[in-house]
Amino acid sequence: TLVKKGTYKVSFDDQSGELTLWRGSKLVAKTTARLEEYKRTSFYAPAYKTKRESDGGALILTSVYLGGAYAVIGAGGGATTGSNMQ
């Protein structure tokens, strides 16, 4: 799912391991994730982490900070679903 720059509401259901991204009332993406404790090495934690798909490729969202832990995306092996944003 293509997620463009912007402000999103992120929620994580620890029972189902499901991470959802909302923009207003529109569901943008839903995927599996797992929580990973964040070991502080500095005062600030990045709000999200990305990696490059390949040399010169697109950035892929890999985790989202949820106050003390990161929700690591795709950790449950499920595929990301949702609608592309234009």
PDB file of N, CA and C in Angstrom:
ATOM      1  N   THR A   1       0.839  -1.175   0.000  1.00  0.00           N
ATOM      2  CA  THR A   1       0.000   0.000   0.000  1.00  0.00           C
ATOM      3  C   THR A   1       0.882   1.236   0.000  1.00  0.00           C
ATOM      4  N   LEU A   2       0.612   2.135  -0.885  1.00  0.00           N
ATOM      5  CA  LEU A   2       1.349   3.379  -0.948  1.00  0.00           C
ATOM      6  C   LEU A   2       0.848   4.316   0.140  1.00  0.00           C
ATOM      7  N   VAL A   3       1.742   4.766   1.006  1.00  0.00           N
ATOM      8  CA  VAL A   3       1.404   5.715   2.066  1.00  0.00           C
ATOM      9  C   VAL A   3       2.256   6.959   1.842  1.00  0.00           C
ATOM     10  N   LYS A   4       1.607   8.038   1.454  1.00  0.00           N
ATOM     11  CA  LYS A   4       2.324   9.273   1.174  1.00  0.00           C
ATOM     12  C   LYS A   4       2.534  10.075   2.444  1.00  0.00           C
ATOM     13  N   LYS A   5       3.408  11.076   2.359  1.00  0.00           N
ATOM     14  CA  LYS A   5       3.657  11.967   3.493  1.00  0.00           C
ATOM     15  C   LYS A   5       2.348  12.558   3.974  1.00  0.00           C
ATOM     16  N   GLY A   6       2.236  12.700   5.289  1.00  0.00           N
ATOM     17  CA  GLY A   6       1.033  13.281   5.842  1.00  0.00           C
ATOM     18  C   GLY A   6       0.878  12.910   7.300  1.00  0.00           C
ATOM     19  N   THR A   7      -0.250  13.265   7.859  1.00  0.00           N
ATOM     20  CA  THR A   7      -0.555  12.972   9.249  1.00  0.00           C
ATOM     21  C   THR A   7      -1.580  11.846   9.290  1.00  0.00           C
ATOM     22  N   TYR A   8      -1.277  10.824  10.075  1.00  0.00           N
ATOM     23  CA  TYR A   8      -2.131   9.644  10.160  1.00  0.00           C
ATOM     24  C   TYR A   8      -2.399   9.294  11.614  1.00  0.00           C
ATOM     25  N   LYS A   9      -3.532   8.660  11.865  1.00  0.00           N
ATOM     26  CA  LYS A   9      -3.813   8.068  13.156  1.00  0.00           C
ATOM     27  C   LYS A   9      -3.414   6.598  13.029  1.00  0.00           C
ATOM     28  N   VAL A  10      -2.623   6.125  13.992  1.00  0.00           N
ATOM     29  CA  VAL A  10      -2.140   4.749  13.965  1.00  0.00           C
ATOM     30  C   VAL A  10      -2.678   4.037  15.186  1.00  0.00           C
ATOM     31  N   SER A  11      -3.191   2.831  14.983  1.00  0.00           N
ATOM     32  CA  SER A  11      -3.639   2.039  16.124  1.00  0.00           C
ATOM     33  C   SER A  11      -3.104   0.616  15.993  1.00  0.00           C
ATOM     34  N   PHE A  12      -2.890  -0.010  17.149  1.00  0.00           N
ATOM     35  CA  PHE A  12      -2.380  -1.373  17.191  1.00  0.00           C
ATOM     36  C   PHE A  12      -3.240  -2.190  18.132  1.00  0.00           C
ATOM     37  N   ASP A  13      -3.722  -3.323  17.657  1.00  0.00           N
ATOM     38  CA  ASP A  13      -4.506  -4.247  18.469  1.00  0.00           C
ATOM     39  C   ASP A  13      -3.573  -5.376  18.898  1.00  0.00           C
ATOM     40  N   ASP A  14      -3.190  -5.383  20.175  1.00  0.00           N
ATOM     41  CA  ASP A  14      -2.227  -6.388  20.629  1.00  0.00           C
ATOM     42  C   ASP A  14      -2.828  -7.790  20.705  1.00  0.00           C
ATOM     43  N   GLN A  15      -4.148  -7.912  20.700  1.00  0.00           N
ATOM     44  CA  GLN A  15      -4.780  -9.231  20.696  1.00  0.00           C
ATOM     45  C   GLN A  15      -4.643  -9.901  19.322  1.00  0.00           C
ATOM     46  N   SER A  16      -4.908  -9.145  18.268  1.00  0.00           N
ATOM     47  CA  SER A  16      -4.850  -9.705  16.906  1.00  0.00           C
ATOM     48  C   SER A  16      -3.514  -9.446  16.219  1.00  0.00           C
ATOM     49  N   GLY A  17      -2.699  -8.532  16.779  1.00  0.00           N
ATOM     50  CA  GLY A  17      -1.431  -8.180  16.140  1.00  0.00           C
ATOM     51  C   GLY A  17      -1.645  -7.376  14.869  1.00  0.00           C
ATOM     52  N   GLU A  18      -2.699  -6.555  14.846  1.00  0.00           N
ATOM     53  CA  GLU A  18      -3.051  -5.800  13.650  1.00  0.00           C
ATOM     54  C   GLU A  18      -2.756  -4.313  13.838  1.00  0.00           C
ATOM     55  N   LEU A  19      -2.042  -3.740  12.887  1.00  0.00           N
ATOM     56  CA  LEU A  19      -1.709  -2.316  12.868  1.00  0.00           C
ATOM     57  C   LEU A  19      -2.544  -1.662  11.778  1.00  0.00           C
ATOM     58  N   THR A  20      -3.210  -0.550  12.102  1.00  0.00           N
ATOM     59  CA  THR A  20      -4.008   0.167  11.108  1.00  0.00           C
ATOM     60  C   THR A  20      -3.568   1.617  11.032  1.00  0.00           C
ATOM     61  N   LEU A  21      -3.607   2.177   9.832  1.00  0.00           N
ATOM     62  CA  LEU A  21      -3.302   3.583   9.584  1.00  0.00           C
ATOM     63  C   LEU A  21      -4.543   4.234   8.994  1.00  0.00           C
ATOM     64  N   TRP A  22      -4.955   5.336   9.615  1.00  0.00           N
ATOM     65  CA  TRP A  22      -6.137   6.085   9.184  1.00  0.00           C
ATOM     66  C   TRP A  22      -5.735   7.502   8.813  1.00  0.00           C
ATOM     67  N   ARG A  23      -6.342   8.028   7.789  1.00  0.00           N
ATOM     68  CA  ARG A  23      -6.210   9.442   7.432  1.00  0.00           C
ATOM     69  C   ARG A  23      -7.616  10.004   7.446  1.00  0.00           C
ATOM     70  N   GLY A  24      -7.928  10.733   8.525  1.00  0.00           N
ATOM     71  CA  GLY A  24      -9.306  11.159   8.734  1.00  0.00           C
ATOM     72  C   GLY A  24     -10.148   9.925   9.031  1.00  0.00           C
ATOM     73  N   SER A  25     -11.243   9.754   8.311  1.00  0.00           N
ATOM     74  CA  SER A  25     -12.092   8.583   8.514  1.00  0.00           C
ATOM     75  C   SER A  25     -11.809   7.479   7.496  1.00  0.00           C
ATOM     76  N   LYS A  26     -10.770   7.665   6.668  1.00  0.00           N
ATOM     77  CA  LYS A  26     -10.449   6.694   5.616  1.00  0.00           C
ATOM     78  C   LYS A  26      -9.354   5.733   6.083  1.00  0.00           C
ATOM     79  N   LEU A  27      -9.645   4.432   5.995  1.00  0.00           N
ATOM     80  CA  LEU A  27      -8.642   3.414   6.291  1.00  0.00           C
ATOM     81  C   LEU A  27      -7.632   3.388   5.146  1.00  0.00           C
ATOM     82  N   VAL A  28      -6.372   3.638   5.466  1.00  0.00           N
ATOM     83  CA  VAL A  28      -5.332   3.702   4.446  1.00  0.00           C
ATOM     84  C   VAL A  28      -4.619   2.361   4.315  1.00  0.00           C
ATOM     85  N   ALA A  29      -4.303   1.741   5.459  1.00  0.00           N
ATOM     86  CA  ALA A  29      -3.579   0.466   5.412  1.00  0.00           C
ATOM     87  C   ALA A  29      -3.859  -0.336   6.668  1.00  0.00           C
ATOM     88  N   LYS A  30      -3.800  -1.653   6.502  1.00  0.00           N
ATOM     89  CA  LYS A  30      -3.971  -2.584   7.610  1.00  0.00           C
ATOM     90  C   LYS A  30      -2.975  -3.718   7.378  1.00  0.00           C
ATOM     91  N   THR A  31      -2.232  -4.092   8.423  1.00  0.00           N
ATOM     92  CA  THR A  31      -1.224  -5.133   8.271  1.00  0.00           C
ATOM     93  C   THR A  31      -0.976  -5.820   9.608  1.00  0.00           C
ATOM     94  N   THR A  32      -0.264  -6.928   9.575  1.00  0.00           N
ATOM     95  CA  THR A  32       0.139  -7.587  10.811  1.00  0.00           C
ATOM     96  C   THR A  32       1.401  -6.916  11.330  1.00  0.00           C
ATOM     97  N   ALA A  33       1.579  -6.963  12.634  1.00  0.00           N
ATOM     98  CA  ALA A  33       2.758  -6.368  13.268  1.00  0.00           C
ATOM     99  C   ALA A  33       2.970  -7.035  14.619  1.00  0.00           C
ATOM    100  N   ARG A  34       4.128  -6.813  15.180  1.00  0.00           N
ATOM    101  CA  ARG A  34       4.416  -7.265  16.538  1.00  0.00           C
ATOM    102  C   ARG A  34       5.120  -6.134  17.261  1.00  0.00           C
ATOM    103  N   LEU A  35       4.952  -6.076  18.574  1.00  0.00           N
ATOM    104  CA  LEU A  35       5.599  -5.023  19.349  1.00  0.00           C
ATOM    105  C   LEU A  35       7.009  -5.434  19.724  1.00  0.00           C
ATOM    106  N   GLU A  36       7.910  -4.474  19.641  1.00  0.00           N
ATOM    107  CA  GLU A  36       9.308  -4.662  20.003  1.00  0.00           C
ATOM    108  C   GLU A  36       9.682  -3.527  20.947  1.00  0.00           C
ATOM    109  N   GLU A  37      10.158  -3.861  22.132  1.00  0.00           N
ATOM    110  CA  GLU A  37      10.528  -2.842  23.113  1.00  0.00           C
ATOM    111  C   GLU A  37      11.613  -1.935  22.546  1.00  0.00           C
ATOM    112  N   TYR A  38      11.482  -0.628  22.843  1.00  0.00           N
ATOM    113  CA  TYR A  38      12.474   0.340  22.390  1.00  0.00           C
ATOM    114  C   TYR A  38      13.458   0.591  23.516  1.00  0.00           C
ATOM    115  N   LYS A  39      14.710   0.288  23.273  1.00  0.00           N
ATOM    116  CA  LYS A  39      15.766   0.553  24.253  1.00  0.00           C
ATOM    117  C   LYS A  39      16.347   1.919  23.934  1.00  0.00           C
ATOM    118  N   ARG A  40      16.064   2.875  24.786  1.00  0.00           N
ATOM    119  CA  ARG A  40      16.473   4.261  24.547  1.00  0.00           C
ATOM    120  C   ARG A  40      17.981   4.412  24.520  1.00  0.00           C
ATOM    121  N   THR A  41      18.452   5.038  23.454  1.00  0.00           N
ATOM    122  CA  THR A  41      19.859   5.404  23.355  1.00  0.00           C
ATOM    123  C   THR A  41      19.996   6.923  23.299  1.00  0.00           C
ATOM    124  N   SER A  42      18.848   7.592  23.143  1.00  0.00           N
ATOM    125  CA  SER A  42      18.823   9.053  23.163  1.00  0.00           C
ATOM    126  C   SER A  42      17.473   9.503  23.710  1.00  0.00           C
ATOM    127  N   PHE A  43      17.337  10.792  23.917  1.00  0.00           N
ATOM    128  CA  PHE A  43      16.107  11.339  24.485  1.00  0.00           C
ATOM    129  C   PHE A  43      14.925  11.178  23.526  1.00  0.00           C
ATOM    130  N   TYR A  44      15.178  11.314  22.233  1.00  0.00           N
ATOM    131  CA  TYR A  44      14.114  11.261  21.230  1.00  0.00           C
ATOM    132  C   TYR A  44      14.107   9.919  20.505  1.00  0.00           C
ATOM    133  N   ALA A  45      12.916   9.439  20.203  1.00  0.00           N
ATOM    134  CA  ALA A  45      12.749   8.217  19.407  1.00  0.00           C
ATOM    135  C   ALA A  45      12.131   8.614  18.069  1.00  0.00           C
ATOM    136  N   PRO A  46      12.621   8.060  16.972  1.00  0.00           N
ATOM    137  CA  PRO A  46      11.990   8.358  15.680  1.00  0.00           C
ATOM    138  C   PRO A  46      10.535   7.886  15.689  1.00  0.00           C
ATOM    139  N   ALA A  47       9.639   8.648  15.070  1.00  0.00           N
ATOM    140  CA  ALA A  47       8.215   8.281  15.022  1.00  0.00           C
ATOM    141  C   ALA A  47       7.993   7.046  14.168  1.00  0.00           C
ATOM    142  N   TYR A  48       8.874   6.812  13.213  1.00  0.00           N
ATOM    143  CA  TYR A  48       8.759   5.646  12.343  1.00  0.00           C
ATOM    144  C   TYR A  48      10.135   5.291  11.801  1.00  0.00           C
ATOM    145  N   LYS A  49      10.249   4.083  11.265  1.00  0.00           N
ATOM    146  CA  LYS A  49      11.495   3.647  10.631  1.00  0.00           C
ATOM    147  C   LYS A  49      11.176   3.153   9.228  1.00  0.00           C
ATOM    148  N   THR A  50      12.125   3.374   8.316  1.00  0.00           N
ATOM    149  CA  THR A  50      11.969   2.931   6.936  1.00  0.00           C
ATOM    150  C   THR A  50      13.234   2.222   6.480  1.00  0.00           C
ATOM    151  N   LYS A  51      13.123   1.521   5.354  1.00  0.00           N
ATOM    152  CA  LYS A  51      14.302   0.971   4.683  1.00  0.00           C
ATOM    153  C   LYS A  51      14.083   1.136   3.188  1.00  0.00           C
ATOM    154  N   ARG A  52      15.174   1.151   2.445  1.00  0.00           N
ATOM    155  CA  ARG A  52      15.099   1.309   0.998  1.00  0.00           C
ATOM    156  C   ARG A  52      14.842  -0.049   0.368  1.00  0.00           C
ATOM    157  N   GLU A  53      13.854  -0.103  -0.527  1.00  0.00           N
ATOM    158  CA  GLU A  53      13.460  -1.339  -1.198  1.00  0.00           C
ATOM    159  C   GLU A  53      14.638  -1.974  -1.938  1.00  0.00           C
ATOM    160  N   SER A  54      15.351  -1.174  -2.682  1.00  0.00           N
ATOM    161  CA  SER A  54      16.547  -1.602  -3.405  1.00  0.00           C
ATOM    162  C   SER A  54      17.332  -0.341  -3.732  1.00  0.00           C
ATOM    163  N   ASP A  55      18.483  -0.491  -4.341  1.00  0.00           N
ATOM    164  CA  ASP A  55      19.294   0.664  -4.687  1.00  0.00           C
ATOM    165  C   ASP A  55      18.484   1.611  -5.569  1.00  0.00           C
ATOM    166  N   GLY A  56      18.176   2.788  -5.047  1.00  0.00           N
ATOM    167  CA  GLY A  56      17.389   3.770  -5.790  1.00  0.00           C
ATOM    168  C   GLY A  56      15.893   3.509  -5.748  1.00  0.00           C
ATOM    169  N   GLY A  57      15.460   2.478  -5.024  1.00  0.00           N
ATOM    170  CA  GLY A  57      14.042   2.130  -4.951  1.00  0.00           C
ATOM    171  C   GLY A  57      13.280   2.957  -3.931  1.00  0.00           C
ATOM    172  N   ALA A  58      12.039   2.600  -3.756  1.00  0.00           N
ATOM    173  CA  ALA A  58      11.149   3.314  -2.837  1.00  0.00           C
ATOM    174  C   ALA A  58      11.491   2.999  -1.384  1.00  0.00           C
ATOM    175  N   LEU A  59      11.121   3.926  -0.500  1.00  0.00           N
ATOM    176  CA  LEU A  59      11.256   3.686   0.934  1.00  0.00           C
ATOM    177  C   LEU A  59      10.079   2.844   1.409  1.00  0.00           C
ATOM    178  N   ILE A  60      10.349   1.876   2.277  1.00  0.00           N
ATOM    179  CA  ILE A  60       9.322   1.004   2.823  1.00  0.00           C
ATOM    180  C   ILE A  60       9.211   1.272   4.312  1.00  0.00           C
ATOM    181  N   LEU A  61       7.996   1.514   4.773  1.00  0.00           N
ATOM    182  CA  LEU A  61       7.732   1.716   6.190  1.00  0.00           C
ATOM    183  C   LEU A  61       7.888   0.369   6.891  1.00  0.00           C
ATOM    184  N   THR A  62       8.788   0.303   7.894  1.00  0.00           N
ATOM    185  CA  THR A  62       9.053  -0.968   8.565  1.00  0.00           C
ATOM    186  C   THR A  62       8.540  -1.028   9.989  1.00  0.00           C
ATOM    187  N   SER A  63       8.424   0.132  10.657  1.00  0.00           N
ATOM    188  CA  SER A  63       7.908   0.139  12.026  1.00  0.00           C
ATOM    189  C   SER A  63       7.429   1.536  12.408  1.00  0.00           C
ATOM    190  N   VAL A  64       6.530   1.552  13.407  1.00  0.00           N
ATOM    191  CA  VAL A  64       5.935   2.789  13.894  1.00  0.00           C
ATOM    192  C   VAL A  64       6.100   2.818  15.406  1.00  0.00           C
ATOM    193  N   TYR A  65       6.547   3.955  15.952  1.00  0.00           N
ATOM    194  CA  TYR A  65       6.755   4.092  17.391  1.00  0.00           C
ATOM    195  C   TYR A  65       5.416   4.318  18.086  1.00  0.00           C
ATOM    196  N   LEU A  66       5.166   3.545  19.132  1.00  0.00           N
ATOM    197  CA  LEU A  66       3.900   3.637  19.858  1.00  0.00           C
ATOM    198  C   LEU A  66       4.129   3.885  21.339  1.00  0.00           C
ATOM    199  N   GLY A  67       5.017   4.791  21.687  1.00  0.00           N
ATOM    200  CA  GLY A  67       5.244   5.156  23.082  1.00  0.00           C
ATOM    201  C   GLY A  67       5.836   4.044  23.921  1.00  0.00           C
ATOM    202  N   GLY A  68       7.103   3.766  23.765  1.00  0.00           N
ATOM    203  CA  GLY A  68       7.791   2.734  24.535  1.00  0.00           C
ATOM    204  C   GLY A  68       8.091   1.481  23.745  1.00  0.00           C
ATOM    205  N   ALA A  69       7.456   1.324  22.587  1.00  0.00           N
ATOM    206  CA  ALA A  69       7.695   0.143  21.755  1.00  0.00           C
ATOM    207  C   ALA A  69       7.468   0.508  20.294  1.00  0.00           C
ATOM    208  N   TYR A  70       8.053  -0.276  19.417  1.00  0.00           N
ATOM    209  CA  TYR A  70       7.812  -0.142  17.988  1.00  0.00           C
ATOM    210  C   TYR A  70       6.905  -1.268  17.532  1.00  0.00           C
ATOM    211  N   ALA A  71       5.925  -0.943  16.693  1.00  0.00           N
ATOM    212  CA  ALA A  71       5.123  -1.952  16.021  1.00  0.00           C
ATOM    213  C   ALA A  71       5.865  -2.271  14.734  1.00  0.00           C
ATOM    214  N   VAL A  72       6.456  -3.461  14.681  1.00  0.00           N
ATOM    215  CA  VAL A  72       7.244  -3.883  13.528  1.00  0.00           C
ATOM    216  C   VAL A  72       6.292  -4.472  12.496  1.00  0.00           C
ATOM    217  N   ILE A  73       6.242  -3.868  11.336  1.00  0.00           N
ATOM    218  CA  ILE A  73       5.260  -4.197  10.305  1.00  0.00           C
ATOM    219  C   ILE A  73       5.604  -5.501   9.598  1.00  0.00           C
ATOM    220  N   GLY A  74       4.566  -6.295   9.338  1.00  0.00           N
ATOM    221  CA  GLY A  74       4.719  -7.537   8.600  1.00  0.00           C
ATOM    222  C   GLY A  74       5.379  -8.644   9.386  1.00  0.00           C
ATOM    223  N   ALA A  75       5.540  -8.462  10.686  1.00  0.00           N
ATOM    224  CA  ALA A  75       6.233  -9.445  11.506  1.00  0.00           C
ATOM    225  C   ALA A  75       5.469 -10.743  11.638  1.00  0.00           C
ATOM    226  N   GLY A  76       4.147 -10.704  11.407  1.00  0.00           N
ATOM    227  CA  GLY A  76       3.342 -11.916  11.508  1.00  0.00           C
ATOM    228  C   GLY A  76       3.269 -12.680  10.213  1.00  0.00           C
ATOM    229  N   GLY A  77       3.907 -12.179   9.153  1.00  0.00           N
ATOM    230  CA  GLY A  77       3.925 -12.875   7.886  1.00  0.00           C
ATOM    231  C   GLY A  77       2.759 -12.537   6.971  1.00  0.00           C
ATOM    232  N   GLY A  78       1.839 -11.691   7.420  1.00  0.00           N
ATOM    233  CA  GLY A  78       0.689 -11.335   6.605  1.00  0.00           C
ATOM    234  C   GLY A  78       1.012 -10.237   5.610  1.00  0.00           C
ATOM    235  N   ALA A  79       0.211 -10.139   4.586  1.00  0.00           N
ATOM    236  CA  ALA A  79       0.425  -9.126   3.569  1.00  0.00           C
ATOM    237  C   ALA A  79      -0.257  -7.827   3.981  1.00  0.00           C
ATOM    238  N   THR A  80       0.329  -6.715   3.578  1.00  0.00           N
ATOM    239  CA  THR A  80      -0.268  -5.415   3.824  1.00  0.00           C
ATOM    240  C   THR A  80      -1.431  -5.220   2.878  1.00  0.00           C
ATOM    241  N   THR A  81      -2.548  -4.708   3.391  1.00  0.00           N
ATOM    242  CA  THR A  81      -3.703  -4.450   2.558  1.00  0.00           C
ATOM    243  C   THR A  81      -4.165  -3.037   2.767  1.00  0.00           C
ATOM    244  N   GLY A  82      -4.941  -2.548   1.829  1.00  0.00           N
ATOM    245  CA  GLY A  82      -5.483  -1.213   1.933  1.00  0.00           C
ATOM    246  C   GLY A  82      -5.616  -0.615   0.550  1.00  0.00           C
ATOM    247  N   SER A  83      -5.935   0.660   0.486  1.00  0.00           N
ATOM    248  CA  SER A  83      -6.086   1.318  -0.798  1.00  0.00           C
ATOM    249  C   SER A  83      -4.930   2.271  -1.027  1.00  0.00           C
ATOM    250  N   ASN A  84      -4.505   2.398  -2.262  1.00  0.00           N
ATOM    251  CA  ASN A  84      -3.444   3.345  -2.605  1.00  0.00           C
ATOM    252  C   ASN A  84      -3.954   4.762  -2.473  1.00  0.00           C
ATOM    253  N   MET A  85      -3.106   5.619  -1.976  1.00  0.00           N
ATOM    254  CA  MET A  85      -3.461   7.033  -1.887  1.00  0.00           C
ATOM    255  C   MET A  85      -2.916   7.742  -3.115  1.00  0.00           C
ATOM    256  N   GLN A  86      -3.671   8.603  -3.674  1.00  0.00           N
ATOM    257  CA  GLN A  86      -3.241   9.340  -4.867  1.00  0.00           C
ATOM    258  C   GLN A  86      -2.769  10.730  -4.506  1.00  0.00           C
TER     259      GLN A  86
END
